[in-house]
């Protein structure tokens, strides 16, 4: 049970994010919303397992914390 608590502290990604999206982000090394501010929405969309719903959830979670994806260049 301790591990579960540690994972929740380490990750602040939306809890209702679909499992394929969670796996895609984890495999790419993303576990915190702050990390997503370093990449563009287009880059995240390229990950296998990230669909429109997951992208929307991530966008809303970032906005709720006053954050956003990196600007497209």
Protein backbone atom coordinates (compact mmCIF):
# COMPACT_ATOMS: atom_id res chain seq x y z
CA UNK A 1 0.00 0.00 0.00
CA UNK A 2 2.89 2.40 0.60
CA UNK A 3 3.94 2.25 -3.05
CA UNK A 4 0.50 3.42 -4.16
CA UNK A 5 0.81 6.51 -1.98
CA UNK A 6 4.26 7.23 -3.33
CA UNK A 7 3.04 6.94 -6.91
CA UNK A 8 0.26 9.40 -6.21
CA UNK A 9 2.78 11.86 -4.80
CA UNK A 10 5.15 11.40 -7.72
CA UNK A 11 2.47 11.77 -10.39
CA UNK A 12 -0.07 14.56 -10.63
CA UNK A 13 -1.48 13.48 -13.98
CA UNK A 14 -5.28 13.29 -14.17
CA UNK A 15 -6.40 10.19 -12.24
CA UNK A 16 -9.12 9.33 -14.77
CA UNK A 17 -6.68 9.36 -17.68
CA UNK A 18 -7.12 6.17 -19.73
CA UNK A 19 -4.60 3.40 -19.05
CA UNK A 20 -3.11 3.49 -22.59
CA UNK A 21 -2.48 7.22 -22.19
CA UNK A 22 -0.96 6.70 -18.73
CA UNK A 23 1.35 4.02 -20.13
CA UNK A 24 2.33 6.18 -23.12
CA UNK A 25 3.25 9.10 -20.88
CA UNK A 26 5.13 6.87 -18.42
CA UNK A 27 7.12 5.21 -21.21
CA UNK A 28 8.03 8.65 -22.56
CA UNK A 29 9.19 9.66 -19.06
CA UNK A 30 6.34 11.99 -18.10
CA UNK A 31 4.86 11.65 -14.63
CA UNK A 32 4.22 15.29 -13.68
CA UNK A 33 2.17 18.02 -15.34
CA UNK A 34 5.13 20.40 -15.06
CA UNK A 35 7.09 18.14 -17.41
CA UNK A 36 4.46 18.61 -20.10
CA UNK A 37 5.17 22.35 -20.20
CA UNK A 38 8.45 21.47 -21.92
CA UNK A 39 6.80 19.75 -24.89
CA UNK A 40 4.23 20.84 -27.45
CA UNK A 41 0.75 19.43 -27.72
CA UNK A 42 1.72 18.02 -31.13
CA UNK A 43 4.62 16.09 -29.59
CA UNK A 44 2.37 14.53 -26.95
CA UNK A 45 -0.24 13.71 -29.60
CA UNK A 46 2.40 11.62 -31.40
CA UNK A 47 2.64 9.18 -28.47
CA UNK A 48 0.84 5.90 -29.12
CA UNK A 49 -2.06 5.80 -26.68
CA UNK A 50 -2.75 9.53 -26.58
CA UNK A 51 -6.08 10.31 -28.19
CA UNK A 52 -8.29 13.40 -28.29
CA UNK A 53 -9.88 12.65 -24.90
CA UNK A 54 -6.53 12.18 -23.17
CA UNK A 55 -5.19 15.34 -24.75
CA UNK A 56 -8.24 17.26 -23.56
CA UNK A 57 -7.86 15.92 -20.01
CA UNK A 58 -4.18 16.88 -19.97
CA UNK A 59 -4.95 20.35 -21.34
CA UNK A 60 -7.62 20.91 -18.66
CA UNK A 61 -5.33 19.64 -15.88
CA UNK A 62 -2.54 21.96 -17.02
CA UNK A 63 -4.91 24.93 -17.23
CA UNK A 64 -6.22 24.23 -13.72
CA UNK A 65 -2.65 24.64 -12.42
CA UNK A 66 -2.00 27.73 -14.52
CA UNK A 67 0.24 25.76 -16.89
CA UNK A 68 0.15 24.93 -20.59
CA UNK A 69 1.95 22.90 -23.20
CA UNK A 70 5.01 24.52 -24.78
CA UNK A 71 4.27 26.86 -27.67
CA UNK A 72 4.49 25.43 -31.18
CA UNK A 73 7.54 26.79 -32.98
